[in-house]
Protein backbone atom coordinates (compact mmCIF):
# COMPACT_ATOMS: atom_id res chain seq x y z
CA UNK A 1 -64.88 65.19 -31.00
CA UNK A 2 -67.98 63.39 -32.24
CA UNK A 3 -68.98 66.62 -34.01
CA UNK A 4 -65.61 67.10 -35.74
CA UNK A 5 -64.23 65.48 -38.86
CA UNK A 6 -61.51 66.11 -41.41
CA UNK A 7 -62.73 66.61 -44.96
CA UNK A 8 -61.72 63.94 -47.49
CA UNK A 9 -61.16 65.78 -50.77
CA UNK A 10 -61.82 62.56 -52.73
CA UNK A 11 -65.09 61.69 -50.98
CA UNK A 12 -68.20 62.82 -52.94
CA UNK A 13 -70.04 63.33 -49.63
CA UNK A 14 -67.55 66.06 -48.69
CA UNK A 15 -67.61 67.74 -52.10
CA UNK A 16 -70.27 70.34 -51.11
CA UNK A 17 -68.15 71.51 -48.18
CA UNK A 18 -65.04 71.80 -50.37
CA UNK A 19 -67.03 73.84 -52.89
CA UNK A 20 -68.44 76.11 -50.17
CA UNK A 21 -65.01 76.77 -48.63
CA UNK A 22 -63.44 77.39 -52.03
CA UNK A 23 -66.10 79.96 -52.91
CA UNK A 24 -65.83 81.63 -49.50
CA UNK A 25 -62.05 82.04 -49.95
CA UNK A 26 -62.29 83.11 -53.58
CA UNK A 27 -61.25 86.69 -52.89
CA UNK A 28 -58.32 85.74 -50.60
CA UNK A 29 -54.68 85.02 -51.45
CA UNK A 30 -53.82 81.32 -51.53
CA UNK A 31 -52.50 78.68 -53.92
CA UNK A 32 -53.91 75.48 -52.45
CA UNK A 33 -56.28 74.33 -49.72
CA UNK A 34 -54.36 71.86 -47.58
CA UNK A 35 -56.79 70.87 -44.82
CA UNK A 36 -60.43 71.44 -43.90
CA UNK A 37 -61.77 70.45 -40.48
CA UNK A 38 -65.50 70.81 -39.83
CA UNK A 39 -67.30 71.18 -36.53
CA UNK A 40 -71.01 71.98 -36.68
CA UNK A 41 -71.45 75.22 -38.64
CA UNK A 42 -67.80 76.28 -38.95
CA UNK A 43 -64.67 75.00 -40.64
CA UNK A 44 -61.01 75.49 -39.75
CA UNK A 45 -59.08 75.73 -43.02
CA UNK A 46 -55.35 75.61 -43.75
CA UNK A 47 -54.24 77.15 -47.05
CA UNK A 48 -50.79 77.54 -48.58
CA UNK A 49 -49.43 80.21 -50.88
CA UNK A 50 -46.51 79.53 -53.22
CA UNK A 51 -44.78 82.52 -54.78
CA UNK A 52 -44.07 80.82 -58.10
CA UNK A 53 -44.66 77.32 -59.52
CA UNK A 54 -40.89 76.84 -59.37
CA UNK A 55 -40.61 77.72 -55.67
CA UNK A 56 -39.65 74.98 -53.22
CA UNK A 57 -42.58 73.67 -51.10
CA UNK A 58 -40.83 74.42 -47.76
CA UNK A 59 -41.01 78.13 -48.61
CA UNK A 60 -44.83 78.05 -48.74
CA UNK A 61 -46.61 80.57 -46.54
CA UNK A 62 -49.64 79.19 -44.70
CA UNK A 63 -52.79 80.80 -43.34
CA UNK A 64 -55.29 79.34 -40.88
CA UNK A 65 -58.87 80.48 -41.50
CA UNK A 66 -62.21 80.24 -39.77
CA UNK A 67 -64.89 79.76 -42.43
CA UNK A 68 -68.60 79.91 -41.65
CA UNK A 69 -70.65 77.15 -43.26
CA UNK A 70 -73.93 79.03 -42.84
CA UNK A 71 -72.84 82.27 -44.49
CA UNK A 72 -69.89 83.22 -46.67
CA UNK A 73 -67.77 84.79 -43.94
CA UNK A 74 -64.08 84.10 -43.45
CA UNK A 75 -61.59 85.28 -40.85
CA UNK A 76 -57.81 84.73 -40.89
CA UNK A 77 -56.57 83.42 -37.54
CA UNK A 78 -52.82 83.41 -38.14
CA UNK A 79 -50.08 83.25 -40.77
CA UNK A 80 -47.36 80.62 -40.48
CA UNK A 81 -44.45 78.72 -41.99
CA UNK A 82 -43.66 75.02 -41.48
CA UNK A 83 -46.93 74.26 -39.63
CA UNK A 84 -47.34 71.06 -37.64
CA UNK A 85 -50.83 69.87 -36.74
CA UNK A 86 -50.51 67.63 -33.68
CA UNK A 87 -53.28 65.99 -31.65
CA UNK A 88 -56.20 67.04 -29.48
CA UNK A 89 -55.45 68.60 -26.11
CA UNK A 90 -57.34 69.02 -22.83
CA UNK A 91 -56.37 72.53 -21.72
CA UNK A 92 -59.87 73.02 -20.34
CA UNK A 93 -59.65 69.90 -18.18
CA UNK A 94 -62.71 67.74 -17.45
CA UNK A 95 -65.05 70.71 -18.03
CA UNK A 96 -63.80 71.37 -21.56
CA UNK A 97 -66.77 71.53 -23.91
CA UNK A 98 -64.78 70.68 -27.02
CA UNK A 99 -61.21 69.42 -27.58
CA UNK A 100 -58.58 71.83 -28.87
CA UNK A 101 -56.15 71.03 -31.68
CA UNK A 102 -52.44 71.55 -30.92
CA UNK A 103 -50.65 73.58 -33.60
CA UNK A 104 -46.93 74.47 -33.90
CA UNK A 105 -45.51 76.85 -36.50
CA UNK A 106 -42.62 79.20 -37.38
CA UNK A 107 -42.85 82.90 -38.17
CA UNK A 108 -40.54 82.73 -41.20
CA UNK A 109 -38.45 80.38 -43.33
CA UNK A 110 -34.66 80.45 -43.78
CA UNK A 111 -34.40 83.83 -42.07
CA UNK A 112 -31.74 84.99 -39.60
CA UNK A 113 -33.93 84.54 -36.52
CA UNK A 114 -36.79 82.04 -36.46
CA UNK A 115 -39.39 82.02 -33.70
CA UNK A 116 -41.47 78.89 -33.09
CA UNK A 117 -44.92 79.34 -31.54
CA UNK A 118 -47.61 77.09 -30.11
CA UNK A 119 -51.35 77.58 -30.09
CA UNK A 120 -54.52 75.55 -29.94
CA UNK A 121 -57.30 75.83 -32.49
CA UNK A 122 -60.75 75.49 -30.95
CA UNK A 123 -64.44 75.99 -31.71
CA UNK A 124 -65.88 79.01 -29.92
CA UNK A 125 -69.47 78.28 -28.92
CA UNK A 126 -70.34 81.97 -28.52
CA UNK A 127 -69.09 83.10 -31.92
CA UNK A 128 -69.85 79.83 -33.75
CA UNK A 129 -66.38 80.11 -35.23
CA UNK A 130 -62.84 78.79 -34.82
CA UNK A 131 -60.33 80.69 -32.73
CA UNK A 132 -56.63 80.47 -31.79
CA UNK A 133 -55.27 80.97 -28.26
CA UNK A 134 -52.58 83.28 -26.78
CA UNK A 135 -52.34 85.28 -30.01
CA UNK A 136 -50.39 88.55 -30.31
CA UNK A 137 -50.57 89.33 -33.99
CA UNK A 138 -49.30 86.17 -35.68
CA UNK A 139 -47.35 84.99 -32.62
CA UNK A 140 -48.79 82.79 -29.89
CA UNK A 141 -47.05 81.00 -26.98
CA UNK A 142 -43.32 81.37 -27.66
CA UNK A 143 -41.56 77.99 -27.69
CA UNK A 144 -38.16 78.57 -29.27
CA UNK A 145 -36.06 81.32 -30.80
CA UNK A 146 -32.89 80.88 -32.84
CA UNK A 147 -31.60 84.39 -32.11
CA UNK A 148 -28.36 84.88 -30.17
CA UNK A 149 -26.53 87.72 -28.44
CA UNK A 150 -22.77 87.97 -28.21
CA UNK A 151 -21.48 87.05 -24.75
CA UNK A 152 -24.80 85.54 -23.63
CA UNK A 153 -25.53 81.81 -23.41
CA UNK A 154 -29.22 81.02 -23.70
CA UNK A 155 -30.82 77.69 -22.79
CA UNK A 156 -34.45 77.11 -23.76
CA UNK A 157 -36.72 74.42 -22.33
CA UNK A 158 -40.43 73.83 -22.82
CA UNK A 159 -42.93 71.07 -22.22
CA UNK A 160 -46.59 70.12 -22.24
CA UNK A 161 -47.63 69.12 -18.72
CA UNK A 162 -50.74 67.45 -17.33
CA UNK A 163 -52.23 68.57 -14.02
CA UNK A 164 -53.75 66.05 -11.56
CA UNK A 165 -57.29 67.02 -12.64
CA UNK A 166 -56.48 66.14 -16.24
CA UNK A 167 -56.00 69.74 -17.42
CA UNK A 168 -52.98 70.40 -19.59
CA UNK A 169 -50.70 73.43 -19.42
CA UNK A 170 -47.71 74.53 -21.46
CA UNK A 171 -44.64 75.86 -19.67
CA UNK A 172 -41.49 77.51 -21.03
CA UNK A 173 -38.14 78.32 -19.40
CA UNK A 174 -35.43 80.60 -20.82
CA UNK A 175 -32.13 80.71 -18.93
CA UNK A 176 -29.70 83.53 -19.75
CA UNK A 177 -26.06 83.19 -18.64
CA UNK A 178 -24.12 86.48 -18.93
CA UNK A 179 -20.79 85.08 -17.75
CA UNK A 180 -18.98 87.48 -15.41
CA UNK A 181 -20.99 90.49 -16.59
CA UNK A 182 -23.92 89.91 -14.23
CA UNK A 183 -25.86 87.08 -12.54
CA UNK A 184 -27.82 84.64 -14.69
CA UNK A 185 -31.55 85.21 -15.21
CA UNK A 186 -34.47 82.83 -15.59
CA UNK A 187 -37.79 83.57 -17.27
CA UNK A 188 -40.58 81.03 -16.85
CA UNK A 189 -44.08 81.26 -18.28
CA UNK A 190 -47.16 79.08 -17.97
CA UNK A 191 -49.87 79.04 -20.63
CA UNK A 192 -53.22 77.68 -19.56
CA UNK A 193 -56.99 77.94 -20.00
CA UNK A 194 -59.37 78.83 -17.19
CA UNK A 195 -61.76 75.89 -16.90
CA UNK A 196 -64.70 78.02 -15.69
CA UNK A 197 -64.57 80.86 -18.24
CA UNK A 198 -62.68 79.18 -21.09
CA UNK A 199 -60.34 82.17 -21.35
CA UNK A 200 -56.64 81.67 -22.01
CA UNK A 201 -54.13 82.73 -19.36
CA UNK A 202 -50.42 83.65 -19.48
CA UNK A 203 -48.59 83.74 -16.18
CA UNK A 204 -44.97 84.68 -15.38
CA UNK A 205 -43.65 82.37 -12.65
CA UNK A 206 -41.31 83.29 -9.82
CA UNK A 207 -40.17 82.07 -6.44
CA UNK A 208 -41.19 78.61 -5.25
CA UNK A 209 -43.64 78.18 -8.12
CA UNK A 210 -40.83 78.76 -10.63
CA UNK A 211 -38.49 76.33 -8.85
CA UNK A 212 -41.14 73.60 -8.90
CA UNK A 213 -41.86 74.26 -12.57
CA UNK A 214 -38.17 73.91 -13.47
CA UNK A 215 -38.16 70.37 -12.10
CA UNK A 216 -41.39 69.49 -13.88
CA UNK A 217 -40.07 70.87 -17.17
CA UNK A 218 -36.83 68.91 -16.92
CA UNK A 219 -38.89 65.75 -16.43
CA UNK A 220 -41.51 66.54 -19.07
CA UNK A 221 -42.18 63.77 -21.59
CA UNK A 222 -45.61 64.21 -23.24
CA UNK A 223 -44.61 61.76 -25.98
CA UNK A 224 -44.66 58.91 -23.48
CA UNK A 225 -48.44 59.14 -23.13
CA UNK A 226 -49.08 60.30 -26.70
CA UNK A 227 -46.29 59.93 -29.31
CA UNK A 228 -47.93 62.59 -31.48
CA UNK A 229 -47.20 65.14 -28.73
CA UNK A 230 -43.47 64.42 -28.55
CA UNK A 231 -42.73 67.74 -30.28
CA UNK A 232 -44.11 69.57 -27.25
CA UNK A 233 -41.00 68.85 -25.18
CA UNK A 234 -37.50 70.18 -25.81
CA UNK A 235 -34.41 71.05 -23.82
CA UNK A 236 -34.72 68.22 -21.31
CA UNK A 237 -31.29 66.97 -22.38
CA UNK A 238 -29.61 70.31 -21.61
CA UNK A 239 -26.81 70.66 -19.07
CA UNK A 240 -28.94 72.81 -16.78
CA UNK A 241 -31.61 70.10 -16.58
CA UNK A 242 -29.02 67.38 -15.99
CA UNK A 243 -27.51 69.39 -13.14
CA UNK A 244 -30.90 70.15 -11.63
CA UNK A 245 -32.10 66.54 -11.64
CA UNK A 246 -28.75 65.37 -10.23
CA UNK A 247 -29.01 67.85 -7.35
CA UNK A 248 -32.38 66.49 -6.21
CA UNK A 249 -32.35 64.20 -3.17
CA UNK A 250 -32.86 60.57 -4.04
CA UNK A 251 -36.21 59.21 -2.99
CA UNK A 252 -35.85 56.32 -0.56
CA UNK A 253 -38.34 53.47 -0.62
CA UNK A 254 -40.72 53.47 2.32
CA UNK A 255 -40.55 50.81 5.01
CA UNK A 256 -42.46 47.72 4.00
CA UNK A 257 -45.17 46.69 6.47
CA UNK A 258 -44.76 43.42 8.39
CA UNK A 259 -47.40 40.93 7.25
CA UNK A 260 -46.10 37.74 8.86
CA UNK A 261 -48.02 36.48 11.97
CA UNK A 262 -46.43 36.72 15.40
CA UNK A 263 -44.42 33.62 16.48
CA UNK A 264 -46.96 32.65 19.20
CA UNK A 265 -49.91 32.67 16.83
CA UNK A 266 -51.68 29.25 16.62
CA UNK A 267 -54.75 30.19 14.62
CA UNK A 268 -56.94 30.13 17.79
CA UNK A 269 -58.97 32.85 19.45
CA UNK A 270 -60.82 33.08 22.74
CA UNK A 271 -64.15 34.94 23.11
CA UNK A 272 -64.19 37.98 25.35
CA UNK A 273 -64.54 36.96 28.95
CA UNK A 274 -63.05 33.53 28.57
CA UNK A 275 -64.76 30.25 27.71
CA UNK A 276 -63.92 27.45 25.38
CA UNK A 277 -61.61 28.25 22.51
CA UNK A 278 -62.80 27.80 18.98
CA UNK A 279 -60.64 27.04 16.02
CA UNK A 280 -60.59 29.65 13.29
CA UNK A 281 -60.41 28.26 9.81
CA UNK A 282 -59.10 30.38 6.98
CA UNK A 283 -60.40 30.12 3.43
CA UNK A 284 -57.80 30.41 0.68
CA UNK A 285 -58.28 31.19 -2.97
CA UNK A 286 -56.11 29.96 -5.83
CA UNK A 287 -55.08 32.32 -8.58
CA UNK A 288 -54.90 30.71 -11.97
CA UNK A 289 -51.39 31.10 -13.29
């Protein structure tokens, strides 16, 4: 993170970078440059496009770009609506070479079915450029979908989780209840980054692994450690989570060890093999209240 900084459009020191990015994007479609983040020789840029000056700002279409600061090369990473830039993540764990920026966005605005996706924006050391993870076209890790099917009840849950080694993963759970038509179905996915290769991974969970992930998702609360990440948890208040947590056996406190001395203890000890007894004095320390 020492190598990264957000550009201040009012700071004269950052003016050359703003000019460079503006010239590099001159041939592209955009109305305004919203954010520029610089790391070494590449910038991640967020632009917005407004159809007409009279259009409402929420209808703006956004594009995330990777802009080279050594040559005038640009590459669009994704197109989005209602983007939310969150905080830095640690998907690569302790071996992560550079932090990755959490990014949430929708695929459309005020449409019949809206899909919300999650990705991380990161600096690729091989390409010397910014990249986005888990991308399939403009869609990344699927968080939420507003679509519905008649006769089917869908419950969606997702959460950002932290592994014991400090590596973060994103997990999603979609539960489909078909009523009397057929048994309910669960679809769980885990999105992660391989710490050795730096490649993103998408894994469908089943069996015991899926059951364990359901419990973790229902207890997920990334906002407790970092309030800026609170958006990366949803569905924990659903009925299916409430029923699952209620069904878990209550953890009983372990038996406390006995620390009091035995009743026949007099603070004396005898050397091995007998002989005169010697008094044992104990030093005490006082803790300042």
